[in-house]
Amino acid sequence: MNNRTRLVSLVAAAALTATSVTAAVAQPSEYPREETLYTSGTQWGAPNDWNPVTDWNYAMGTFGLVYEPLFLYDPLQDEYVPWLAESGEWTGETEYTIKLRDGITWADGEPLTAEDVKVTLELAKDNPLPYSGIWDFLESVEAVDDLTAVVTFSSPQHQQWGNFIYNRPVLPAHLWADRSEEELLGPNENPIGTGPYQYLTHDQGRMVWQKRDDAWWATEVYDLDPKPTYIVDIVNGSNNVALGLVLQGGLDLSNNFLPGVATLIEGGYGLSTYYDEPPYMLSANTAWLAMDHTEPPLDDPAFRKALAWAIDVPTIVNRVYGNIVQGANPTGLLPTWEKYIDQSVVDEMGFSYDPEMAKQALADAGYVDSDGDGFVENLDGSPISLEIIVPNGWTDWMESIRVIAESAAAVGIDVQTAFPDYNARTDAIHSANFDLAIVNDKQISNTPWDYYNYMFRLPILESQNTDNFARYDNPDAYALVQQLDQVPVDDVEGMNEIISQLQAIHLADMPIIPLWYNGAWAQASNAAWTNWPSDGGAEVFPITWGGYWQMGGMRWLDAIEPVVAE
């Protein structure tokens, strides 16, 4: 069976699978097709939470379509866009002044004021909210007048604050100030925001937002007019169903991972991606090989570096992903962070797929095959048998670790694959009950500080739930991470002085191995809507995932146009 035949078979199967789903979730008569945008790839279960405080639990669009931040951040241009805030600036070494736009109202008609900013921040001081950590370096917040808030810091953590101002929604004080802790973390079933959309309805299979009847403030300020009257996000955990819906025109934007999309794009199926050639997608995050440093040989930097040389990333990119991803830079920094890569450090200390170099590095470090079974032993002569895990059902990662195991075996390292369920895999990583695992927890952001905090964070806890799964214990590295946090986000030179040192430590000790960049999966149908974001067009992430609306989502909702039937 040739590739074209395989594709036709896949398309036919996907279309058949999607037929009943289409009928269940998107009746053309329900909402005017030329006014309705159908999306998928964000909602993995029935929507039941509209609380923008509860990270990753809220229904698609809760933060972005309804609630809004002080600033947007454009990662492609590396610039902040004043949003609810007209301006924000450091007015002293430990003082940041926020000026809000005049005339913005909440959906219930109440005005946006500095009190809203004050309450949003102080709720995290007085209650255990996901962003309560900011009070490790905040001292106070004062509403000076209706439109001015002054935040005072005990220690100015510029990188974290630069992340906060675009990554957290402002909440209406008149509706949130008196909530109990239970209510603060509850479902928030009547979301009231400043954004262009409001809750309409939901069921087990979808989430529906409707454009507000009254004027959205950004239409006047930025000439932004989101084109869809309705946004319907379909609950869908199946790549095949998503593929079928896209090809049928019942789904306009799929943010699902769709294998084989390159063939579809080239085959004239009316699909759009950001690039019209490999890698087709923007990069969203780095896939890393995490290693448990608590046991040999993974406690040895020389062995970890040899393993980095051994992994056949080009085959993963070409065979597993069909070139819709790209191999990672040795630093692991995303393409949007290219200006922070010290090429001289990479040239001296970097790595790439090179089996002969891997074999030589193993031999130089004393790892030899003394019993002739084809695999090297530990320095004390004991056998090495490592297990690499990814969640069962994550088919791209499952195939990727098979490639890793094969390429490791080719240089004499015994690696076996395992596919626990997602929860078991996560528990294993958090508790150091693993050897090797693929992780990609940190998404694109305003600063590579995120990545280095992820890599080097201390102290090591009994359960490492968010950072440093390798349990890499280097106080000097973490001191540099903390120092980096003190550098203003616009001081690229100052950031690079520290980042260069962190890259040298990373590439010398290899606590975690960067593999490839996971794509910002975005496949759009041109059947009902067109003018999708693209290289040279509307240059913005066409993503509905949590965290991406505040990185320019409103721009692509404004740019797309309905296809007018003749």
Protein backbone atom coordinates (compact mmCIF):
# COMPACT_ATOMS: atom_id res chain seq x y z
CA MET A 1 0.00 0.00 0.00
CA ASN A 2 1.53 3.34 -1.05
CA ASN A 3 1.37 6.53 1.00
CA ARG A 4 -1.47 7.97 -1.06
CA THR A 5 -3.56 4.84 -0.56
CA ARG A 6 -2.86 4.86 3.14
CA LEU A 7 -3.95 8.50 3.33
CA VAL A 8 -7.18 7.84 1.47
CA SER A 9 -7.95 4.95 3.82
CA LEU A 10 -7.21 7.09 6.86
CA VAL A 11 -9.35 9.94 5.59
CA ALA A 12 -12.25 7.60 4.84
CA ALA A 13 -12.09 5.98 8.28
CA ALA A 14 -11.84 9.34 10.01
CA ALA A 15 -14.77 10.71 8.08
CA LEU A 16 -16.94 7.74 8.99
CA THR A 17 -15.96 8.05 12.64
CA ALA A 18 -16.74 11.75 12.64
CA THR A 19 -20.18 11.54 11.04
CA SER A 20 -22.13 10.81 14.22
CA VAL A 21 -20.03 13.32 16.15
CA THR A 22 -20.83 16.02 13.64
CA ALA A 23 -24.53 15.38 14.01
CA ALA A 24 -24.29 15.48 17.78
CA VAL A 25 -22.28 18.64 18.22
CA ALA A 26 -22.87 20.93 15.29
CA GLN A 27 -26.27 21.23 13.66
CA PRO A 28 -25.97 23.85 10.91
CA SER A 29 -29.41 25.26 11.70
CA GLU A 30 -28.59 25.87 15.33
CA TYR A 31 -26.23 28.77 14.77
CA PRO A 32 -25.69 30.55 11.44
CA ARG A 33 -22.70 28.81 9.84
CA GLU A 34 -21.18 32.04 8.57
CA GLU A 35 -21.26 33.39 12.14
CA THR A 36 -20.05 30.29 13.97
CA LEU A 37 -16.52 29.08 14.54
CA TYR A 38 -16.08 25.42 15.49
CA THR A 39 -12.87 24.51 17.33
CA SER A 40 -11.41 21.46 19.03
CA GLY A 41 -8.26 20.31 20.79
CA THR A 42 -8.63 22.11 24.11
CA GLN A 43 -11.61 20.57 25.88
CA TRP A 44 -10.87 16.95 26.81
CA GLY A 45 -13.92 16.41 28.98
CA ALA A 46 -17.32 17.96 29.54
CA PRO A 47 -16.94 21.66 30.48
CA ASN A 48 -17.84 22.28 34.11
CA ASP A 49 -15.55 25.09 35.29
CA TRP A 50 -15.47 28.76 34.30
CA ASN A 51 -13.10 29.92 37.01
CA PRO A 52 -10.05 31.67 35.51
CA VAL A 53 -8.16 31.15 38.76
CA THR A 54 -8.12 27.35 38.50
CA ASP A 55 -5.36 26.83 35.97
CA TRP A 56 -6.02 24.34 33.14
CA ASN A 57 -9.38 23.31 34.60
CA TYR A 58 -11.53 26.03 33.15
CA ALA A 59 -13.49 25.69 29.92
CA MET A 60 -11.82 26.85 26.75
CA GLY A 61 -11.92 30.64 26.44
CA THR A 62 -12.76 31.44 30.06
CA PHE A 63 -9.49 33.32 30.26
CA GLY A 64 -9.10 35.21 27.00
CA LEU A 65 -12.61 35.44 25.63
CA VAL A 66 -14.22 36.48 28.95
CA TYR A 67 -11.57 37.47 31.48
CA GLU A 68 -8.56 39.50 30.35
CA PRO A 69 -5.06 40.36 31.65
CA LEU A 70 -3.33 43.69 32.15
CA PHE A 71 -1.11 43.09 29.11
CA LEU A 72 -0.91 40.70 26.21
CA TYR A 73 2.44 39.26 25.27
CA ASP A 74 3.41 38.62 21.64
CA PRO A 75 6.08 35.88 21.66
CA LEU A 76 6.74 36.20 17.92
CA GLN A 77 7.63 39.89 18.27
CA ASP A 78 8.83 39.61 21.88
CA GLU A 79 6.76 42.58 22.96
CA TYR A 80 4.10 43.42 25.51
CA VAL A 81 0.84 44.92 24.30
CA PRO A 82 -0.99 47.19 26.77
CA TRP A 83 -4.40 45.67 27.33
CA LEU A 84 -6.58 46.42 30.33
CA ALA A 85 -3.59 48.45 31.47
CA GLU A 86 -2.88 51.53 29.39
CA SER A 87 0.63 51.43 30.81
CA GLY A 88 2.76 49.75 33.43
CA GLU A 89 6.20 50.87 34.50
CA TRP A 90 8.74 50.60 37.28
CA THR A 91 8.51 53.92 39.10
CA GLY A 92 11.11 52.91 41.66
CA GLU A 93 13.46 50.04 42.39
CA THR A 94 10.68 48.18 44.22
CA GLU A 95 7.58 49.97 42.87
CA TYR A 96 5.49 49.23 39.78
CA THR A 97 2.68 51.59 38.72
CA ILE A 98 -0.29 50.38 36.66
CA LYS A 99 -2.50 52.83 34.76
CA LEU A 100 -5.80 51.28 33.64
CA ARG A 101 -7.72 52.32 30.55
CA ASP A 102 -10.65 54.59 31.20
CA GLY A 103 -14.10 53.50 30.10
CA ILE A 104 -13.75 49.70 30.27
CA THR A 105 -16.73 47.96 31.86
CA TRP A 106 -17.44 44.48 33.07
CA ALA A 107 -20.19 42.56 31.28
CA ASP A 108 -22.65 43.54 34.05
CA GLY A 109 -22.01 47.24 33.43
CA GLU A 110 -19.73 47.96 36.41
CA PRO A 111 -16.55 49.94 35.58
CA LEU A 112 -13.08 48.41 35.66
CA THR A 113 -11.10 50.13 38.42
CA ALA A 114 -7.81 49.86 40.29
CA GLU A 115 -9.72 48.18 43.11
CA ASP A 116 -10.18 45.20 40.78
CA VAL A 117 -6.40 44.92 40.39
CA LYS A 118 -5.90 45.27 44.14
CA VAL A 119 -8.45 42.58 45.00
CA THR A 120 -7.11 40.21 42.30
CA LEU A 121 -3.65 40.39 43.85
CA GLU A 122 -4.73 40.33 47.50
CA LEU A 123 -6.99 37.32 47.07
CA ALA A 124 -3.81 35.33 46.44
CA LYS A 125 -2.26 36.73 49.60
CA ASP A 126 -5.12 35.74 51.85
CA ASN A 127 -6.09 32.43 50.19
CA PRO A 128 -4.18 29.42 48.78
CA LEU A 129 -4.61 30.24 45.09
CA PRO A 130 -2.43 28.96 42.22
CA TYR A 131 -0.65 32.31 41.99
CA SER A 132 -0.14 32.87 45.72
CA GLY A 133 3.60 32.47 45.15
CA ILE A 134 3.82 36.06 43.94
CA TRP A 135 3.53 37.12 47.56
CA ASP A 136 6.98 35.67 48.12
CA PHE A 137 8.20 38.92 46.58
CA LEU A 138 5.20 41.30 46.76
CA GLU A 139 4.79 43.53 49.79
CA SER A 140 1.61 45.50 49.13
CA VAL A 141 -0.76 46.84 46.49
CA GLU A 142 -2.60 50.16 46.72
CA ALA A 143 -5.42 51.60 44.61
CA VAL A 144 -4.19 55.22 44.44
CA ASP A 145 -7.20 56.37 42.43
CA ASP A 146 -9.88 54.80 40.24
CA LEU A 147 -7.42 53.98 37.46
CA THR A 148 -4.04 53.75 39.21
CA ALA A 149 -2.64 50.85 41.21
CA VAL A 150 0.82 50.82 42.80
CA VAL A 151 2.45 47.47 43.58
CA THR A 152 5.33 47.46 46.06
CA PHE A 153 7.81 44.58 46.12
CA SER A 154 9.94 43.27 48.94
CA SER A 155 12.22 41.99 46.19
CA PRO A 156 11.69 42.90 42.52
CA GLN A 157 11.47 39.56 40.70
CA HIS A 158 11.26 41.08 37.25
CA GLN A 159 11.01 37.86 35.26
CA GLN A 160 8.16 36.44 37.32
CA TRP A 161 6.31 39.74 37.40
CA GLY A 162 6.74 40.07 33.64
CA ASN A 163 5.04 36.69 33.35
CA PHE A 164 2.25 37.58 35.79
CA ILE A 165 1.06 40.74 34.06
CA TYR A 166 0.00 38.89 30.92
CA ASN A 167 -0.66 35.42 32.32
CA ARG A 168 -3.21 36.23 35.01
CA PRO A 169 -6.72 37.64 34.57
CA VAL A 170 -8.03 40.66 36.39
CA LEU A 171 -11.12 39.77 38.45
CA PRO A 172 -14.12 42.02 39.21
CA ALA A 173 -13.76 43.07 42.86
CA HIS A 174 -17.49 43.58 43.32
CA LEU A 175 -18.11 39.89 42.56
CA TRP A 176 -14.99 38.27 44.04
CA ALA A 177 -13.87 40.21 47.10
CA ASP A 178 -16.19 38.52 49.56
CA ARG A 179 -16.00 34.95 48.26
CA SER A 180 -15.11 32.13 50.59
CA GLU A 181 -12.10 29.95 49.85
CA GLU A 182 -14.44 27.28 48.52
CA GLU A 183 -16.14 29.79 46.21
CA LEU A 184 -12.78 31.15 45.04
CA LEU A 185 -11.87 27.70 43.73
CA GLY A 186 -15.40 26.70 42.68
CA PRO A 187 -16.86 26.44 39.15
CA ASN A 188 -17.85 30.14 38.82
CA GLU A 189 -20.91 29.23 36.80
CA ASN A 190 -21.75 32.82 35.80
CA PRO A 191 -18.48 34.26 34.46
CA ILE A 192 -18.49 38.05 34.19
CA GLY A 193 -15.49 39.55 32.41
CA THR A 194 -14.33 42.47 30.29
CA GLY A 195 -13.71 40.41 27.15
CA PRO A 196 -15.65 40.27 23.87
CA TYR A 197 -17.55 37.03 24.62
CA GLN A 198 -19.85 35.70 27.28
CA TYR A 199 -21.11 32.29 28.32
CA LEU A 200 -24.07 31.04 26.30
CA THR A 201 -24.51 27.33 26.96
CA HIS A 202 -22.72 24.02 27.32
CA ASP A 203 -23.40 20.33 27.39
CA GLN A 204 -21.36 17.15 27.63
CA GLY A 205 -20.07 17.58 24.11
CA ARG A 206 -19.30 21.26 23.71
CA MET A 207 -18.74 24.71 25.10
CA VAL A 208 -20.52 27.67 23.44
CA TRP A 209 -19.55 31.33 23.75
CA GLN A 210 -21.53 34.24 22.28
CA LYS A 211 -20.21 37.64 21.27
CA ARG A 212 -21.36 40.35 23.66
CA ASP A 213 -24.15 42.65 22.47
CA ASP A 214 -22.49 45.76 23.82
CA ALA A 215 -19.30 47.25 22.47
CA TRP A 216 -16.01 45.63 23.44
CA TRP A 217 -13.47 48.24 24.51
CA ALA A 218 -10.69 46.95 22.19
CA THR A 219 -12.81 47.59 19.09
CA GLU A 220 -12.38 51.30 19.61
CA VAL A 221 -8.83 51.19 21.01
CA TYR A 222 -7.26 48.62 18.66
CA ASP A 223 -9.86 48.34 15.87
CA LEU A 224 -10.33 44.68 16.74
CA ASP A 225 -13.65 43.09 15.84
CA PRO A 226 -13.80 39.31 16.39
CA LYS A 227 -15.63 37.93 13.39
CA PRO A 228 -17.47 34.89 14.85
CA THR A 229 -20.69 35.64 16.69
CA TYR A 230 -20.51 32.16 18.22
CA ILE A 231 -17.54 30.02 19.17
CA VAL A 232 -18.31 26.35 19.70
CA ASP A 233 -15.54 24.24 21.18
CA ILE A 234 -16.11 20.51 20.68
CA VAL A 235 -15.13 18.04 23.37
CA ASN A 236 -12.90 15.65 21.50
CA GLY A 237 -10.14 13.34 22.64
CA SER A 238 -9.72 11.51 19.33
CA ASN A 239 -7.29 12.60 16.63
CA ASN A 240 -9.17 10.57 14.03
CA VAL A 241 -12.48 12.23 14.87
CA ALA A 242 -10.83 15.65 14.69
CA LEU A 243 -9.33 14.78 11.32
CA GLY A 244 -12.69 13.66 9.95
CA LEU A 245 -14.48 16.77 11.20
CA VAL A 246 -11.86 19.07 9.66
CA LEU A 247 -12.05 17.34 6.31
CA GLN A 248 -15.88 17.47 6.37
CA GLY A 249 -15.88 21.18 7.19
CA GLY A 250 -17.67 20.53 10.48
CA LEU A 251 -14.60 21.72 12.38
CA ASP A 252 -12.87 24.97 11.42
CA LEU A 253 -9.79 24.86 13.64
CA SER A 254 -8.28 21.72 15.11
CA ASN A 255 -5.69 22.21 17.84
CA ASN A 256 -5.33 18.43 18.07
CA PHE A 257 -2.20 16.57 17.04
CA LEU A 258 -3.03 15.17 13.59
CA PRO A 259 -0.43 12.77 12.20
CA GLY A 260 0.01 12.85 8.45
CA VAL A 261 -1.11 16.46 8.15
CA ALA A 262 1.80 17.25 5.81
CA THR A 263 0.40 14.85 3.21
CA LEU A 264 -3.05 16.39 3.61
CA ILE A 265 -1.73 19.90 3.08
CA GLU A 266 0.13 18.89 -0.03
CA GLY A 267 -2.82 16.82 -1.29
CA GLY A 268 -5.24 19.68 -1.88
CA TYR A 269 -7.66 19.01 0.98
CA GLY A 270 -8.27 22.71 1.67
CA LEU A 271 -6.33 22.85 4.94
CA SER A 272 -4.14 25.64 6.24
CA THR A 273 -1.17 25.57 8.63
CA TYR A 274 1.06 28.39 9.81
CA TYR A 275 3.88 27.41 7.43
CA ASP A 276 3.20 25.85 4.04
CA GLU A 277 6.28 23.65 4.36
CA PRO A 278 8.01 21.74 7.21
CA PRO A 279 7.62 22.11 10.14
CA TYR A 280 4.16 23.52 9.21
CA MET A 281 3.50 24.51 12.85
CA LEU A 282 4.96 27.05 15.23
CA SER A 283 6.82 25.56 18.21
CA ALA A 284 4.94 25.45 21.51
CA ASN A 285 7.28 23.70 23.94
CA THR A 286 10.36 21.53 24.21
CA ALA A 287 10.17 17.77 24.65
CA TRP A 288 12.87 16.82 27.16
CA LEU A 289 14.31 13.52 28.28
CA ALA A 290 14.12 13.68 32.08
CA MET A 291 16.49 11.38 33.98
CA ASP A 292 16.39 10.35 37.63
CA HIS A 293 19.74 11.39 39.07
CA THR A 294 19.35 9.44 42.31
CA GLU A 295 20.75 6.16 40.94
CA PRO A 296 23.73 5.16 38.76
CA PRO A 297 24.53 5.52 35.94
CA LEU A 298 22.15 8.49 35.55
CA ASP A 299 23.88 10.25 38.43
CA ASP A 300 26.98 10.56 36.20
CA PRO A 301 27.14 13.62 33.89
CA ALA A 302 29.46 11.74 31.52
CA PHE A 303 26.90 8.99 31.03
CA ARG A 304 24.07 11.49 30.53
CA LYS A 305 26.10 13.34 27.89
CA ALA A 306 26.87 10.06 26.09
CA LEU A 307 23.14 9.31 26.06
CA ALA A 308 22.49 12.74 24.51
CA TRP A 309 24.86 11.90 21.65
CA ALA A 310 23.14 8.52 21.20
CA ILE A 311 19.51 9.62 20.64
CA ASP A 312 18.42 9.59 17.02
CA VAL A 313 16.29 12.75 17.02
CA PRO A 314 16.34 13.08 13.19
CA THR A 315 14.48 9.76 12.87
CA ILE A 316 11.91 10.91 15.44
CA VAL A 317 11.38 14.13 13.48
CA ASN A 318 11.20 12.40 10.08
CA ARG A 319 9.60 9.03 10.79
CA VAL A 320 7.44 9.61 13.85
CA TYR A 321 6.28 13.15 13.13
CA GLY A 322 6.56 13.38 9.36
CA ASN A 323 8.55 16.63 9.73
CA ILE A 324 5.79 18.57 11.50
CA VAL A 325 8.21 19.18 14.38
CA GLN A 326 11.86 20.19 14.43
CA GLY A 327 14.79 18.95 16.47
CA ALA A 328 15.66 21.09 19.48
CA ASN A 329 18.71 23.26 19.85
CA PRO A 330 21.17 21.72 22.35
CA THR A 331 20.10 24.39 24.85
CA GLY A 332 16.44 23.42 24.50
CA LEU A 333 15.46 27.07 24.10
CA LEU A 334 12.53 27.61 21.75
CA PRO A 335 12.97 29.34 18.35
CA THR A 336 11.37 32.49 19.76
CA TRP A 337 14.26 32.65 22.26
CA GLU A 338 17.04 32.42 19.68
CA LYS A 339 18.57 35.72 20.83
CA TYR A 340 19.29 34.14 24.22
CA ILE A 341 21.37 31.25 22.80
CA ASP A 342 25.12 31.67 23.29
CA GLN A 343 26.35 30.06 20.10
CA SER A 344 29.95 29.99 21.32
CA VAL A 345 28.87 27.81 24.27
CA VAL A 346 26.86 25.56 21.96
CA ASP A 347 29.78 25.24 19.52
CA GLU A 348 32.13 24.23 22.33
CA MET A 349 29.85 22.07 24.47
CA GLY A 350 26.79 21.14 22.39
CA PHE A 351 25.77 17.77 20.99
CA SER A 352 23.89 16.18 18.13
CA TYR A 353 23.03 12.66 17.05
CA ASP A 354 26.39 10.91 16.65
CA PRO A 355 26.54 7.21 17.63
CA GLU A 356 30.32 7.04 17.29
CA MET A 357 30.75 10.04 19.59
CA ALA A 358 28.34 8.36 22.07
CA LYS A 359 30.40 5.14 22.04
CA GLN A 360 33.61 7.07 22.54
CA ALA A 361 32.11 9.11 25.40
CA LEU A 362 30.99 5.91 27.14
CA ALA A 363 34.41 4.32 26.76
CA ASP A 364 36.20 7.46 27.96
CA ALA A 365 34.00 7.50 31.07
CA GLY A 366 34.73 3.82 31.83
CA TYR A 367 31.46 2.26 30.65
CA VAL A 368 32.44 -0.96 28.85
CA ASP A 369 30.81 -4.21 27.78
CA SER A 370 32.91 -6.65 29.79
CA ASP A 371 30.59 -9.66 29.49
CA GLY A 372 30.07 -9.39 25.74
CA ASP A 373 26.25 -9.14 25.80
CA GLY A 374 26.27 -6.00 23.67
CA PHE A 375 25.53 -3.62 26.53
CA VAL A 376 27.86 -1.59 28.73
CA GLU A 377 27.92 -2.08 32.49
CA ASN A 378 28.06 0.33 35.41
CA LEU A 379 31.46 1.42 36.66
CA ASP A 380 31.25 -1.25 39.39
CA GLY A 381 30.52 -3.93 36.80
CA SER A 382 26.79 -4.27 37.56
CA PRO A 383 24.41 -4.44 34.59
CA ILE A 384 22.66 -1.34 33.30
CA SER A 385 19.00 -1.72 32.42
CA LEU A 386 17.03 1.49 32.08
CA GLU A 387 13.30 1.97 31.52
CA ILE A 388 11.82 4.89 29.61
CA ILE A 389 8.16 5.79 30.16
CA VAL A 390 5.47 7.85 28.43
CA PRO A 391 1.69 7.81 28.95
CA ASN A 392 -0.18 4.98 27.26
CA GLY A 393 -2.14 6.29 24.27
CA TRP A 394 0.22 9.15 23.47
CA THR A 395 1.06 7.48 20.21
CA ASP A 396 3.66 9.96 18.97
CA TRP A 397 5.60 9.76 22.23
CA MET A 398 5.19 5.99 22.36
CA GLU A 399 6.78 5.62 18.95
CA SER A 400 9.43 8.20 19.84
CA ILE A 401 10.70 6.26 22.84
CA ARG A 402 10.90 3.12 20.73
CA VAL A 403 13.33 5.08 18.53
CA ILE A 404 15.21 6.23 21.63
CA ALA A 405 15.48 2.66 22.89
CA GLU A 406 16.71 1.45 19.50
CA SER A 407 19.33 4.17 19.15
CA ALA A 408 20.51 3.67 22.74
CA ALA A 409 20.92 -0.07 22.10
CA ALA A 410 22.97 0.71 18.99
CA VAL A 411 25.67 2.30 21.19
CA GLY A 412 25.45 -0.31 23.95
CA ILE A 413 22.91 1.16 26.40
CA ASP A 414 20.05 -1.14 27.42
CA VAL A 415 16.79 0.85 27.44
CA GLN A 416 13.36 -0.76 27.67
CA THR A 417 10.07 1.01 26.92
CA ALA A 418 6.98 1.12 29.15
CA PHE A 419 3.60 2.78 28.76
CA PRO A 420 1.83 3.33 32.09
CA ASP A 421 -1.43 5.26 32.21
CA TYR A 422 -1.09 9.02 32.52
CA ASN A 423 -1.64 9.21 36.28
CA ALA A 424 0.80 6.39 37.03
CA ARG A 425 3.42 7.99 34.80
CA THR A 426 2.93 11.36 36.52
CA ASP A 427 3.18 9.81 39.99
CA ALA A 428 6.39 8.05 38.97
CA ILE A 429 8.01 11.29 37.79
CA HIS A 430 6.94 13.25 40.85
CA SER A 431 8.23 10.58 43.27
CA ALA A 432 11.53 9.74 41.50
CA ASN A 433 10.25 6.26 40.72
CA PHE A 434 11.50 6.22 37.15
CA ASP A 435 14.68 6.07 35.08
CA LEU A 436 13.84 8.04 31.92
CA ALA A 437 10.71 9.92 30.83
CA ILE A 438 9.62 12.42 28.20
CA VAL A 439 8.32 15.68 29.72
CA ASN A 440 7.16 18.98 28.21
CA ASP A 441 5.58 20.83 31.11
CA LYS A 442 6.77 24.36 30.32
CA GLN A 443 5.13 26.18 27.42
CA ILE A 444 6.36 29.14 25.43
CA SER A 445 6.42 32.28 27.54
CA ASN A 446 7.93 35.74 27.86
CA THR A 447 11.21 34.50 29.30
CA PRO A 448 13.63 31.55 29.25
CA TRP A 449 13.78 31.99 33.02
CA ASP A 450 10.85 29.55 33.01
CA TYR A 451 13.01 26.85 31.46
CA TYR A 452 15.98 27.35 33.74
CA ASN A 453 13.80 27.42 36.85
CA TYR A 454 12.25 24.19 35.54
CA MET A 455 15.68 22.65 35.14
CA PHE A 456 17.51 23.85 38.27
CA ARG A 457 14.91 24.72 40.93
CA LEU A 458 15.78 23.94 44.55
CA PRO A 459 15.22 22.69 47.19
CA ILE A 460 14.61 19.09 46.22
CA LEU A 461 11.37 17.93 47.81
CA GLU A 462 10.00 14.48 48.57
CA SER A 463 7.56 15.09 45.72
CA GLN A 464 8.75 17.18 42.77
CA ASN A 465 5.42 18.20 41.28
CA THR A 466 6.32 21.06 38.96
CA ASP A 467 10.06 21.44 38.42
CA ASN A 468 13.42 19.64 38.46
CA PHE A 469 12.05 16.13 38.03
CA ALA A 470 15.64 14.95 37.63
CA ARG A 471 16.43 16.04 41.19
CA TYR A 472 19.56 17.77 39.98
CA ASP A 473 21.20 19.39 43.00
CA ASN A 474 23.36 22.35 41.96
CA PRO A 475 23.08 25.35 44.31
CA ASP A 476 25.33 27.47 42.08
CA ALA A 477 23.04 26.95 39.09
CA TYR A 478 19.93 27.79 41.09
CA ALA A 479 21.62 30.91 42.47
CA LEU A 480 22.09 32.03 38.86
CA VAL A 481 18.40 31.33 38.15
CA GLN A 482 17.45 33.51 41.10
CA GLN A 483 19.84 36.18 39.89
CA LEU A 484 18.27 36.03 36.44
CA ASP A 485 14.86 36.62 38.03
CA GLN A 486 16.12 40.01 39.24
CA VAL A 487 16.99 41.24 35.74
CA PRO A 488 14.39 43.45 33.97
CA VAL A 489 12.68 41.67 31.08
CA ASP A 490 13.86 44.31 28.58
CA ASP A 491 17.52 43.99 29.60
CA VAL A 492 18.50 41.38 27.03
CA GLU A 493 22.23 41.94 27.54
CA GLY A 494 21.91 41.51 31.32
CA MET A 495 19.81 38.37 30.86
CA ASN A 496 22.31 36.91 28.38
CA GLU A 497 25.24 37.33 30.76
CA ILE A 498 23.54 34.96 33.19
CA ILE A 499 21.87 32.69 30.62
CA SER A 500 25.25 32.00 29.00
CA GLN A 501 26.53 30.66 32.33
CA LEU A 502 23.39 28.55 32.78
CA GLN A 503 23.82 27.09 29.29
CA ALA A 504 27.40 26.14 30.08
CA ILE A 505 26.28 24.34 33.24
CA HIS A 506 23.45 22.61 31.38
CA LEU A 507 25.63 21.35 28.54
CA ALA A 508 28.43 20.28 30.89
CA ASP A 509 26.24 18.33 33.31
CA MET A 510 23.25 17.52 31.02
CA PRO A 511 20.67 17.24 33.84
CA ILE A 512 17.93 17.01 31.20
CA ILE A 513 18.26 16.36 27.45
CA PRO A 514 16.36 18.53 24.93
CA LEU A 515 14.98 16.41 22.09
CA TRP A 516 12.52 18.22 19.79
CA TYR A 517 10.05 21.09 19.79
CA ASN A 518 6.42 20.02 20.09
CA GLY A 519 4.33 21.93 17.62
CA ALA A 520 1.57 24.41 18.32
CA TRP A 521 -0.88 22.05 16.61
CA ALA A 522 -3.17 24.10 14.38
CA GLN A 523 -4.89 22.72 11.29
CA ALA A 524 -7.61 24.90 9.82
CA SER A 525 -10.28 24.19 7.23
CA ASN A 526 -11.00 26.82 4.60
CA ALA A 527 -14.52 25.53 3.96
CA ALA A 528 -16.36 28.05 6.16
CA TRP A 529 -13.63 30.47 7.30
CA THR A 530 -10.47 31.70 5.66
CA ASN A 531 -7.53 34.09 6.15
CA TRP A 532 -6.02 31.97 8.93
CA PRO A 533 -2.78 33.00 10.67
CA SER A 534 0.28 32.24 8.59
CA ASP A 535 3.86 33.16 8.03
CA GLY A 536 3.58 36.48 6.21
CA GLY A 537 -0.10 36.90 7.11
CA ALA A 538 -1.55 37.36 10.58
CA GLU A 539 1.56 36.24 12.47
CA VAL A 540 0.04 34.94 15.67
CA PHE A 541 -0.51 31.58 17.35
CA PRO A 542 -3.89 30.21 16.13
CA ILE A 543 -4.33 28.30 19.37
CA THR A 544 -7.27 27.92 21.77
CA TRP A 545 -5.23 26.17 24.49
CA GLY A 546 -5.03 27.72 27.94
CA GLY A 547 -2.30 30.35 27.98
CA TYR A 548 -2.46 31.20 24.28
CA TRP A 549 -5.37 33.63 24.06
CA GLN A 550 -3.31 36.16 26.02
CA MET A 551 -0.52 35.71 23.46
CA GLY A 552 -2.48 37.34 20.68
CA GLY A 553 -5.60 35.22 20.16
CA MET A 554 -7.84 38.21 19.54
CA ARG A 555 -5.76 39.13 16.50
CA TRP A 556 -6.62 35.96 14.61
CA LEU A 557 -10.29 36.13 15.60
CA ASP A 558 -10.28 39.58 14.04
CA ALA A 559 -8.35 38.46 10.93
CA ILE A 560 -10.38 35.41 9.85
CA GLU A 561 -13.22 35.94 7.39
CA PRO A 562 -16.33 33.86 6.65
CA VAL A 563 -16.52 32.20 3.27
CA VAL A 564 -19.50 33.74 1.47
CA ALA A 565 -21.45 31.16 -0.52
CA GLU A 566 -22.22 32.26 -4.07
